[in-house]
Amino acid sequence: MLASVHDDPSILVCADLQVEYLIPGRRHVVLDGDVATARCLELLTLWRGNLWPVMHLKRIAQAAWFNPASRLTDWAAATKPRPGEMTFEHPLPSAYSSSRFVDYMSSIRTTRCILIGFSLDETILATAVEGFHRSHRYQVVTDAVACRQPGTDDAAAYRRAVVNVIGNFATFQSSAELIKASGAVAV
């Protein structure tokens, strides 16, 4: 489904664009992190250029493998939130584990949230599922999301399985389709 002038306004939701996910050898290193980061930057540039709302989610789990005091939880340099952009820290995979996020999402009118970023198999999946149950609309940009390296040899099959599950709760669109459709909205 393409966005149009008649659609509700959309919020770009950048999920867990943190250093932790980009360091080779780390437990949660994402597949194709450079590719996903490039697509995320392209979409961030479009949203920022049009002064459309941008939201950043930051995972701050309290676990031995994810130390929130570490510099590894910092934003990836190119994707740092700018002044005026919303940021929400969440301790569990779903962004709804942040009470501030819940309050914000409850206070806005019906809107479409465009999900991009890392942790496709955790934050993006959990947020899309929980959002669906709260009647919030999510759309995942297929080439602007990244998934951690699974414990199996077939990373592509793992990613496809995660995407298939998310498809029950959110819609999908490529960054090229979204950028093309956004041209009709930017007046």
N, C-alpha and C. Protein backbone atom coordinates (compact mmCIF):
# COMPACT_ATOMS: atom_id res chain seq x y z
N MET A 1 0.85 -1.17 0.00
CA MET A 1 0.00 0.00 0.00
C MET A 1 0.90 1.23 0.00
N LEU A 2 0.72 2.10 -0.96
CA LEU A 2 1.53 3.30 -1.06
C LEU A 2 0.89 4.43 -0.28
N ALA A 3 1.73 5.31 0.22
CA ALA A 3 1.24 6.48 0.93
C ALA A 3 0.71 7.47 -0.09
N SER A 4 -0.26 8.24 0.30
CA SER A 4 -0.78 9.27 -0.59
C SER A 4 -1.11 10.50 0.23
N VAL A 5 -1.51 11.54 -0.48
CA VAL A 5 -1.86 12.79 0.18
C VAL A 5 -3.02 12.59 1.14
N HIS A 6 -3.86 11.58 0.88
CA HIS A 6 -5.04 11.36 1.69
C HIS A 6 -4.79 10.48 2.91
N ASP A 7 -3.62 9.90 3.00
CA ASP A 7 -3.29 9.07 4.16
C ASP A 7 -3.05 9.92 5.39
N ASP A 8 -3.19 9.29 6.55
CA ASP A 8 -2.84 9.97 7.79
C ASP A 8 -1.35 10.28 7.78
N PRO A 9 -0.91 11.27 8.55
CA PRO A 9 0.53 11.56 8.59
C PRO A 9 1.30 10.37 9.14
N SER A 10 2.53 10.23 8.70
CA SER A 10 3.33 9.10 9.17
C SER A 10 4.51 9.58 10.01
N ILE A 11 4.90 8.73 10.93
CA ILE A 11 6.06 8.98 11.79
C ILE A 11 7.11 7.96 11.43
N LEU A 12 8.33 8.42 11.19
CA LEU A 12 9.44 7.51 10.94
C LEU A 12 9.97 7.04 12.29
N VAL A 13 9.92 5.75 12.53
CA VAL A 13 10.35 5.17 13.80
C VAL A 13 11.65 4.41 13.57
N CYS A 14 12.74 4.93 14.13
CA CYS A 14 14.07 4.35 13.98
C CYS A 14 14.34 3.45 15.19
N ALA A 15 14.34 2.14 14.94
CA ALA A 15 14.45 1.18 16.03
C ALA A 15 15.89 0.77 16.30
N ASP A 16 16.37 1.09 17.46
CA ASP A 16 17.64 0.58 17.99
C ASP A 16 18.83 0.76 17.05
N LEU A 17 18.98 1.94 16.48
CA LEU A 17 20.14 2.22 15.62
C LEU A 17 21.34 2.52 16.53
N GLN A 18 21.86 1.48 17.16
CA GLN A 18 22.89 1.59 18.18
C GLN A 18 24.16 0.87 17.76
N VAL A 19 25.28 1.32 18.29
CA VAL A 19 26.60 0.77 17.99
C VAL A 19 26.66 -0.73 18.26
N GLU A 20 26.01 -1.18 19.32
CA GLU A 20 26.02 -2.59 19.73
C GLU A 20 25.74 -3.54 18.57
N TYR A 21 24.84 -3.14 17.71
CA TYR A 21 24.40 -4.01 16.62
C TYR A 21 25.34 -4.02 15.42
N LEU A 22 26.35 -3.17 15.41
CA LEU A 22 27.23 -3.05 14.25
C LEU A 22 28.63 -3.61 14.45
N ILE A 23 28.95 -4.05 15.66
CA ILE A 23 30.31 -4.51 15.95
C ILE A 23 30.43 -6.01 15.71
N PRO A 24 31.26 -6.40 14.72
CA PRO A 24 31.44 -7.83 14.42
C PRO A 24 31.90 -8.59 15.68
N GLY A 25 31.37 -9.79 15.82
CA GLY A 25 31.73 -10.62 16.96
C GLY A 25 30.82 -10.46 18.16
N ARG A 26 30.04 -9.40 18.19
CA ARG A 26 29.10 -9.20 19.29
C ARG A 26 27.91 -10.13 19.09
N ARG A 27 27.26 -10.49 20.18
CA ARG A 27 26.16 -11.46 20.13
C ARG A 27 25.00 -10.99 19.24
N HIS A 28 24.73 -9.71 19.24
CA HIS A 28 23.57 -9.19 18.50
C HIS A 28 23.97 -8.43 17.24
N VAL A 29 25.12 -8.72 16.67
CA VAL A 29 25.51 -8.06 15.43
C VAL A 29 24.46 -8.36 14.36
N VAL A 30 24.09 -7.34 13.59
CA VAL A 30 23.04 -7.50 12.59
C VAL A 30 23.63 -7.89 11.24
N LEU A 31 22.82 -8.59 10.47
CA LEU A 31 23.20 -8.93 9.10
C LEU A 31 23.02 -7.70 8.22
N ASP A 32 23.91 -7.50 7.29
CA ASP A 32 23.81 -6.39 6.34
C ASP A 32 23.61 -5.04 7.03
N GLY A 33 24.33 -4.82 8.12
CA GLY A 33 24.20 -3.58 8.87
C GLY A 33 24.51 -2.35 8.06
N ASP A 34 25.52 -2.44 7.18
CA ASP A 34 25.88 -1.28 6.35
C ASP A 34 24.78 -0.94 5.36
N VAL A 35 24.19 -1.96 4.75
CA VAL A 35 23.12 -1.74 3.79
C VAL A 35 21.90 -1.12 4.47
N ALA A 36 21.50 -1.70 5.58
CA ALA A 36 20.34 -1.19 6.32
C ALA A 36 20.60 0.24 6.82
N THR A 37 21.81 0.50 7.30
CA THR A 37 22.14 1.84 7.77
C THR A 37 22.04 2.86 6.64
N ALA A 38 22.53 2.51 5.46
CA ALA A 38 22.45 3.41 4.31
C ALA A 38 21.00 3.73 3.96
N ARG A 39 20.14 2.73 3.97
CA ARG A 39 18.71 2.95 3.68
C ARG A 39 18.06 3.79 4.77
N CYS A 40 18.42 3.53 6.01
CA CYS A 40 17.88 4.31 7.13
C CYS A 40 18.28 5.78 6.99
N LEU A 41 19.53 6.02 6.63
CA LEU A 41 20.00 7.40 6.45
C LEU A 41 19.26 8.10 5.31
N GLU A 42 18.99 7.37 4.25
CA GLU A 42 18.24 7.91 3.12
C GLU A 42 16.84 8.35 3.58
N LEU A 43 16.18 7.50 4.34
CA LEU A 43 14.84 7.83 4.83
C LEU A 43 14.87 8.93 5.88
N LEU A 44 15.87 8.89 6.76
CA LEU A 44 16.02 9.97 7.75
C LEU A 44 16.21 11.32 7.05
N THR A 45 17.01 11.34 6.01
CA THR A 45 17.25 12.58 5.26
C THR A 45 15.95 13.10 4.66
N LEU A 46 15.16 12.20 4.07
CA LEU A 46 13.87 12.59 3.49
C LEU A 46 12.94 13.16 4.56
N TRP A 47 12.80 12.44 5.67
CA TRP A 47 11.89 12.90 6.74
C TRP A 47 12.36 14.23 7.33
N ARG A 48 13.65 14.33 7.59
CA ARG A 48 14.18 15.57 8.17
C ARG A 48 14.05 16.73 7.20
N GLY A 49 14.29 16.47 5.93
CA GLY A 49 14.19 17.52 4.91
C GLY A 49 12.78 18.06 4.77
N ASN A 50 11.79 17.23 5.00
CA ASN A 50 10.39 17.65 4.91
C ASN A 50 9.80 18.04 6.26
N LEU A 51 10.62 18.00 7.30
CA LEU A 51 10.20 18.33 8.67
C LEU A 51 9.06 17.45 9.14
N TRP A 52 9.09 16.18 8.74
CA TRP A 52 8.12 15.20 9.19
C TRP A 52 8.60 14.61 10.50
N PRO A 53 7.69 14.09 11.33
CA PRO A 53 8.10 13.58 12.65
C PRO A 53 8.99 12.33 12.58
N VAL A 54 10.03 12.37 13.43
CA VAL A 54 10.97 11.25 13.54
C VAL A 54 11.02 10.84 15.00
N MET A 55 11.00 9.54 15.23
CA MET A 55 11.05 8.98 16.57
C MET A 55 12.21 7.96 16.62
N HIS A 56 12.97 7.98 17.70
CA HIS A 56 14.07 7.04 17.87
C HIS A 56 13.81 6.16 19.08
N LEU A 57 13.99 4.86 18.90
CA LEU A 57 13.87 3.90 19.99
C LEU A 57 15.26 3.42 20.35
N LYS A 58 15.53 3.30 21.65
CA LYS A 58 16.85 2.86 22.11
C LYS A 58 16.68 1.75 23.13
N ARG A 59 17.25 0.61 22.83
CA ARG A 59 17.16 -0.55 23.74
C ARG A 59 18.14 -0.35 24.89
N ILE A 60 17.65 -0.46 26.10
CA ILE A 60 18.50 -0.30 27.29
C ILE A 60 18.34 -1.50 28.22
N ALA A 61 18.35 -2.68 27.66
CA ALA A 61 18.13 -3.91 28.43
C ALA A 61 19.10 -4.03 29.60
N GLN A 62 18.63 -4.59 30.67
CA GLN A 62 19.45 -4.83 31.85
C GLN A 62 19.91 -6.28 31.84
N ALA A 63 20.86 -6.58 31.00
CA ALA A 63 21.36 -7.95 30.89
C ALA A 63 22.87 -7.92 30.75
N ALA A 64 23.52 -9.02 31.08
CA ALA A 64 24.97 -9.08 31.03
C ALA A 64 25.51 -8.81 29.63
N TRP A 65 24.79 -9.27 28.61
CA TRP A 65 25.27 -9.09 27.24
C TRP A 65 24.96 -7.70 26.69
N PHE A 66 24.16 -6.92 27.39
CA PHE A 66 23.76 -5.60 26.90
C PHE A 66 23.85 -4.61 28.05
N ASN A 67 25.03 -4.10 28.30
CA ASN A 67 25.30 -3.22 29.42
C ASN A 67 24.92 -1.79 29.06
N PRO A 68 23.86 -1.23 29.67
CA PRO A 68 23.42 0.12 29.30
C PRO A 68 24.44 1.21 29.65
N ALA A 69 25.39 0.92 30.54
CA ALA A 69 26.42 1.91 30.87
C ALA A 69 27.54 1.93 29.83
N SER A 70 27.59 0.94 29.00
CA SER A 70 28.63 0.83 28.00
C SER A 70 28.39 1.81 26.85
N ARG A 71 29.46 2.19 26.17
CA ARG A 71 29.36 3.05 24.99
C ARG A 71 28.69 2.31 23.83
N LEU A 72 28.58 1.00 23.94
CA LEU A 72 27.98 0.20 22.87
C LEU A 72 26.49 0.49 22.70
N THR A 73 25.85 1.04 23.73
CA THR A 73 24.43 1.38 23.61
C THR A 73 24.22 2.76 22.99
N ASP A 74 25.32 3.47 22.70
CA ASP A 74 25.21 4.79 22.06
C ASP A 74 24.59 4.65 20.67
N TRP A 75 24.01 5.74 20.19
CA TRP A 75 23.48 5.77 18.83
C TRP A 75 24.61 5.58 17.83
N ALA A 76 24.34 4.93 16.73
CA ALA A 76 25.29 4.88 15.62
C ALA A 76 25.48 6.32 15.17
N ALA A 77 26.72 6.74 14.95
CA ALA A 77 27.07 8.15 14.73
C ALA A 77 26.18 8.86 13.71
N ALA A 78 25.97 8.28 12.57
CA ALA A 78 25.23 8.95 11.50
C ALA A 78 23.74 9.05 11.77
N THR A 79 23.24 8.27 12.70
CA THR A 79 21.79 8.22 12.93
C THR A 79 21.36 8.84 14.25
N LYS A 80 22.25 9.57 14.89
CA LYS A 80 21.91 10.19 16.18
C LYS A 80 20.68 11.07 16.06
N PRO A 81 19.82 11.04 17.08
CA PRO A 81 18.67 11.93 17.06
C PRO A 81 19.11 13.39 17.06
N ARG A 82 18.35 14.20 16.38
CA ARG A 82 18.60 15.64 16.35
C ARG A 82 17.64 16.33 17.31
N PRO A 83 17.96 17.57 17.69
CA PRO A 83 17.03 18.31 18.56
C PRO A 83 15.64 18.35 17.93
N GLY A 84 14.63 18.12 18.74
CA GLY A 84 13.26 18.14 18.27
C GLY A 84 12.73 16.77 17.86
N GLU A 85 13.62 15.78 17.73
CA GLU A 85 13.18 14.44 17.40
C GLU A 85 12.94 13.67 18.69
N MET A 86 11.89 12.89 18.70
CA MET A 86 11.50 12.16 19.91
C MET A 86 12.42 10.97 20.14
N THR A 87 12.75 10.71 21.40
CA THR A 87 13.53 9.53 21.76
C THR A 87 12.84 8.80 22.91
N PHE A 88 12.86 7.48 22.82
CA PHE A 88 12.26 6.64 23.85
C PHE A 88 13.20 5.48 24.14
N GLU A 89 13.50 5.26 25.41
CA GLU A 89 14.31 4.12 25.82
C GLU A 89 13.38 3.02 26.28
N HIS A 90 13.67 1.79 25.87
CA HIS A 90 12.81 0.66 26.24
C HIS A 90 13.66 -0.50 26.75
N PRO A 91 13.31 -1.06 27.92
CA PRO A 91 14.10 -2.15 28.51
C PRO A 91 13.81 -3.53 27.92
N LEU A 92 12.62 -3.74 27.40
CA LEU A 92 12.22 -5.02 26.82
C LEU A 92 12.17 -4.86 25.30
N PRO A 93 12.04 -5.94 24.55
CA PRO A 93 12.05 -5.80 23.09
C PRO A 93 11.02 -4.82 22.55
N SER A 94 9.79 -4.82 23.04
CA SER A 94 8.78 -3.92 22.52
C SER A 94 9.00 -2.49 23.00
N ALA A 95 8.81 -1.54 22.09
CA ALA A 95 8.89 -0.12 22.48
C ALA A 95 7.82 0.21 23.51
N TYR A 96 6.76 -0.58 23.54
CA TYR A 96 5.68 -0.36 24.50
C TYR A 96 6.10 -0.68 25.93
N SER A 97 7.32 -1.18 26.13
CA SER A 97 7.82 -1.36 27.50
C SER A 97 8.28 -0.03 28.09
N SER A 98 8.27 1.01 27.27
CA SER A 98 8.54 2.38 27.74
C SER A 98 7.21 3.06 28.05
N SER A 99 7.02 3.46 29.28
CA SER A 99 5.75 4.11 29.64
C SER A 99 5.58 5.44 28.90
N ARG A 100 6.68 6.13 28.63
CA ARG A 100 6.61 7.38 27.86
C ARG A 100 6.13 7.12 26.43
N PHE A 101 6.61 6.02 25.83
CA PHE A 101 6.18 5.66 24.49
C PHE A 101 4.69 5.34 24.48
N VAL A 102 4.23 4.57 25.46
CA VAL A 102 2.81 4.23 25.56
C VAL A 102 1.98 5.50 25.68
N ASP A 103 2.40 6.41 26.55
CA ASP A 103 1.67 7.67 26.73
C ASP A 103 1.61 8.46 25.43
N TYR A 104 2.74 8.54 24.74
CA TYR A 104 2.78 9.30 23.48
C TYR A 104 1.85 8.67 22.44
N MET A 105 1.98 7.36 22.25
CA MET A 105 1.17 6.68 21.23
C MET A 105 -0.32 6.75 21.57
N SER A 106 -0.65 6.80 22.84
CA SER A 106 -2.05 6.90 23.25
C SER A 106 -2.60 8.30 23.02
N SER A 107 -1.74 9.29 22.98
CA SER A 107 -2.20 10.67 22.88
C SER A 107 -2.30 11.19 21.45
N ILE A 108 -1.74 10.48 20.47
CA ILE A 108 -1.81 10.97 19.10
C ILE A 108 -3.01 10.35 18.39
N ARG A 109 -3.47 11.07 17.38
CA ARG A 109 -4.58 10.52 16.60
C ARG A 109 -4.06 9.38 15.74
N THR A 110 -4.94 8.70 15.11
CA THR A 110 -4.56 7.56 14.28
C THR A 110 -3.47 7.99 13.30
N THR A 111 -2.40 7.25 13.29
CA THR A 111 -1.29 7.57 12.41
C THR A 111 -0.63 6.28 11.96
N ARG A 112 0.18 6.41 10.94
CA ARG A 112 0.92 5.27 10.42
C ARG A 112 2.37 5.45 10.85
N CYS A 113 2.94 4.42 11.46
CA CYS A 113 4.33 4.45 11.90
C CYS A 113 5.16 3.63 10.93
N ILE A 114 6.20 4.22 10.39
CA ILE A 114 7.09 3.58 9.45
C ILE A 114 8.29 3.07 10.24
N LEU A 115 8.44 1.75 10.36
CA LEU A 115 9.52 1.15 11.15
C LEU A 115 10.75 0.85 10.30
N ILE A 116 11.89 1.35 10.77
CA ILE A 116 13.17 1.05 10.15
C ILE A 116 14.16 0.75 11.28
N GLY A 117 15.32 0.18 10.96
CA GLY A 117 16.36 0.02 11.96
C GLY A 117 16.79 -1.40 12.19
N PHE A 118 17.36 -1.61 13.36
CA PHE A 118 17.95 -2.89 13.71
C PHE A 118 17.00 -3.70 14.59
N SER A 119 17.39 -4.88 14.90
CA SER A 119 16.65 -5.83 15.75
C SER A 119 15.27 -6.16 15.19
N LEU A 120 15.26 -6.52 13.90
CA LEU A 120 14.03 -6.95 13.24
C LEU A 120 13.35 -8.06 14.02
N ASP A 121 14.15 -8.98 14.54
CA ASP A 121 13.59 -10.15 15.23
C ASP A 121 13.29 -9.89 16.71
N GLU A 122 13.51 -8.69 17.18
CA GLU A 122 13.18 -8.36 18.56
C GLU A 122 12.32 -7.10 18.61
N THR A 123 12.92 -5.93 18.59
CA THR A 123 12.18 -4.68 18.77
C THR A 123 11.13 -4.46 17.69
N ILE A 124 11.49 -4.65 16.43
CA ILE A 124 10.53 -4.38 15.36
C ILE A 124 9.38 -5.38 15.43
N LEU A 125 9.69 -6.64 15.59
CA LEU A 125 8.66 -7.68 15.71
C LEU A 125 7.76 -7.41 16.91
N ALA A 126 8.35 -7.23 18.09
CA ALA A 126 7.56 -7.06 19.31
C ALA A 126 6.72 -5.79 19.28
N THR A 127 7.26 -4.71 18.74
CA THR A 127 6.53 -3.44 18.67
C THR A 127 5.37 -3.54 17.68
N ALA A 128 5.60 -4.17 16.53
CA ALA A 128 4.53 -4.33 15.54
C ALA A 128 3.39 -5.18 16.11
N VAL A 129 3.73 -6.25 16.80
CA VAL A 129 2.69 -7.13 17.38
C VAL A 129 1.90 -6.38 18.45
N GLU A 130 2.61 -5.75 19.38
CA GLU A 130 1.90 -5.05 20.46
C GLU A 130 1.12 -3.86 19.92
N GLY A 131 1.68 -3.16 18.96
CA GLY A 131 0.97 -2.04 18.34
C GLY A 131 -0.30 -2.49 17.65
N PHE A 132 -0.24 -3.62 16.96
CA PHE A 132 -1.41 -4.18 16.30
C PHE A 132 -2.54 -4.41 17.30
N HIS A 133 -2.20 -4.92 18.47
CA HIS A 133 -3.20 -5.19 19.49
C HIS A 133 -3.73 -3.92 20.15
N ARG A 134 -3.10 -2.81 19.88
CA ARG A 134 -3.57 -1.52 20.38
C ARG A 134 -4.19 -0.68 19.26
N SER A 135 -4.40 -1.30 18.11
CA SER A 135 -4.97 -0.66 16.91
C SER A 135 -4.07 0.44 16.35
N HIS A 136 -2.78 0.31 16.51
CA HIS A 136 -1.82 1.23 15.89
C HIS A 136 -1.35 0.60 14.59
N ARG A 137 -1.14 1.42 13.57
CA ARG A 137 -0.75 0.91 12.26
C ARG A 137 0.76 1.03 12.06
N TYR A 138 1.39 -0.08 11.75
CA TYR A 138 2.83 -0.09 11.49
C TYR A 138 3.10 -0.58 10.08
N GLN A 139 4.13 0.00 9.50
CA GLN A 139 4.61 -0.40 8.18
C GLN A 139 6.11 -0.59 8.30
N VAL A 140 6.62 -1.71 7.84
CA VAL A 140 8.05 -2.02 7.92
C VAL A 140 8.67 -1.81 6.55
N VAL A 141 9.78 -1.08 6.52
CA VAL A 141 10.50 -0.85 5.27
C VAL A 141 11.49 -2.01 5.11
N THR A 142 11.18 -2.90 4.19
CA THR A 142 11.87 -4.18 4.07
C THR A 142 13.38 -4.08 3.89
N ASP A 143 13.85 -3.09 3.17
CA ASP A 143 15.29 -2.99 2.92
C ASP A 143 15.97 -1.99 3.85
N ALA A 144 15.26 -1.51 4.86
CA ALA A 144 15.84 -0.59 5.85
C ALA A 144 15.73 -1.18 7.25
N VAL A 145 15.66 -2.50 7.33
CA VAL A 145 15.67 -3.20 8.61
C VAL A 145 16.74 -4.27 8.57
N ALA A 146 17.31 -4.55 9.71
CA ALA A 146 18.36 -5.56 9.80
C ALA A 146 18.04 -6.52 10.94
N CYS A 147 18.55 -7.73 10.79
CA CYS A 147 18.26 -8.80 11.72
C CYS A 147 19.57 -9.34 12.28
N ARG A 148 19.57 -9.75 13.53
CA ARG A 148 20.78 -10.28 14.13
C ARG A 148 21.20 -11.58 13.45
N GLN A 149 22.44 -11.92 13.62
CA GLN A 149 22.95 -13.19 13.09
C GLN A 149 22.33 -14.31 13.89
N PRO A 150 21.53 -15.17 13.28
CA PRO A 150 20.88 -16.24 14.04
C PRO A 150 21.86 -17.35 14.39
N GLY A 151 21.44 -18.23 15.26
CA GLY A 151 22.27 -19.36 15.65
C GLY A 151 22.29 -20.46 14.62
N THR A 152 21.61 -20.25 13.50
CA THR A 152 21.56 -21.25 12.43
C THR A 152 22.45 -20.81 11.27
N ASP A 153 22.69 -21.72 10.34
CA ASP A 153 23.51 -21.41 9.18
C ASP A 153 22.73 -20.67 8.09
N ASP A 154 21.42 -20.79 8.08
CA ASP A 154 20.63 -20.20 7.03
C ASP A 154 20.01 -18.88 7.49
N ALA A 155 20.80 -17.81 7.42
CA ALA A 155 20.36 -16.49 7.87
C ALA A 155 19.20 -15.97 7.03
N ALA A 156 19.21 -16.25 5.73
CA ALA A 156 18.14 -15.77 4.85
C ALA A 156 16.80 -16.40 5.22
N ALA A 157 16.81 -17.70 5.53
CA ALA A 157 15.57 -18.38 5.92
C ALA A 157 15.05 -17.83 7.26
N TYR A 158 15.97 -17.55 8.17
CA TYR A 158 15.60 -16.98 9.47
C TYR A 158 14.92 -15.62 9.27
N ARG A 159 15.53 -14.76 8.45
CA ARG A 159 14.98 -13.44 8.18
C ARG A 159 13.60 -13.55 7.53
N ARG A 160 13.46 -14.44 6.53
CA ARG A 160 12.16 -14.64 5.87
C ARG A 160 11.10 -15.07 6.87
N ALA A 161 11.46 -15.95 7.79
CA ALA A 161 10.50 -16.42 8.79
C ALA A 161 10.05 -15.27 9.69
N VAL A 162 10.99 -14.44 10.11
CA VAL A 162 10.63 -13.28 10.95
C VAL A 162 9.72 -12.33 10.18
N VAL A 163 10.07 -12.06 8.93
CA VAL A 163 9.26 -11.16 8.10
C VAL A 163 7.86 -11.74 7.91
N ASN A 164 7.75 -13.04 7.70
CA ASN A 164 6.44 -13.67 7.55
C ASN A 164 5.58 -13.50 8.79
N VAL A 165 6.19 -13.63 9.96
CA VAL A 165 5.44 -13.44 11.20
C VAL A 165 5.00 -11.98 11.33
N ILE A 166 5.90 -11.05 11.08
CA ILE A 166 5.56 -9.62 11.18
C ILE A 166 4.43 -9.27 10.21
N GLY A 167 4.40 -9.94 9.06
CA GLY A 167 3.36 -9.68 8.06
C GLY A 167 1.94 -9.89 8.56
N ASN A 168 1.79 -10.61 9.65
CA ASN A 168 0.47 -10.78 10.26
C ASN A 168 0.02 -9.54 11.03
N PHE A 169 0.96 -8.64 11.32
CA PHE A 169 0.68 -7.50 12.19
C PHE A 169 1.02 -6.14 11.59
N ALA A 170 1.72 -6.13 10.48
CA ALA A 170 2.15 -4.87 9.85
C ALA A 170 2.20 -5.06 8.35
N THR A 171 2.25 -3.96 7.63
CA THR A 171 2.41 -4.02 6.18
C THR A 171 3.88 -3.78 5.83
N PHE A 172 4.24 -4.05 4.58
CA PHE A 172 5.62 -3.89 4.13
C PHE A 172 5.69 -2.99 2.92
N GLN A 173 6.82 -2.32 2.79
CA GLN A 173 7.08 -1.48 1.64
C GLN A 173 8.59 -1.33 1.50
N SER A 174 9.09 -1.20 0.29
CA SER A 174 10.53 -0.97 0.10
C SER A 174 10.82 0.52 0.26
N SER A 175 12.07 0.86 0.50
CA SER A 175 12.43 2.27 0.65
C SER A 175 12.19 3.02 -0.65
N ALA A 176 12.45 2.40 -1.80
CA ALA A 176 12.23 3.06 -3.09
C ALA A 176 10.75 3.41 -3.28
N GLU A 177 9.85 2.47 -2.94
CA GLU A 177 8.41 2.73 -3.05
C GLU A 177 7.99 3.85 -2.10
N LEU A 178 8.54 3.82 -0.90
CA LEU A 178 8.19 4.83 0.10
C LEU A 178 8.68 6.20 -0.33
N ILE A 179 9.89 6.28 -0.84
CA ILE A 179 10.44 7.56 -1.30
C ILE A 179 9.65 8.08 -2.48
N LYS A 180 9.31 7.21 -3.41
CA LYS A 180 8.51 7.61 -4.57
C LYS A 180 7.14 8.13 -4.14
N ALA A 181 6.48 7.40 -3.24
CA ALA A 181 5.17 7.79 -2.75
C ALA A 181 5.25 9.08 -1.94
N SER A 182 6.34 9.30 -1.26
CA SER A 182 6.51 10.49 -0.42
C SER A 182 6.61 11.75 -1.26
N GLY A 183 7.05 11.61 -2.51
CA GLY A 183 7.12 12.77 -3.40
C GLY A 183 5.76 13.37 -3.64
N ALA A 184 4.71 12.54 -3.65
CA ALA A 184 3.34 13.05 -3.84
C ALA A 184 2.85 13.77 -2.60
N VAL A 185 3.42 13.43 -1.44
CA VAL A 185 2.99 14.04 -0.19
C VAL A 185 3.71 15.36 0.05
N ALA A 186 5.00 15.41 -0.33
CA ALA A 186 5.81 16.62 -0.07
C ALA A 186 5.39 17.75 -1.00
N VAL A 187 4.64 18.69 -0.46
CA VAL A 187 4.18 19.82 -1.28
C VAL A 187 4.76 21.09 -0.72
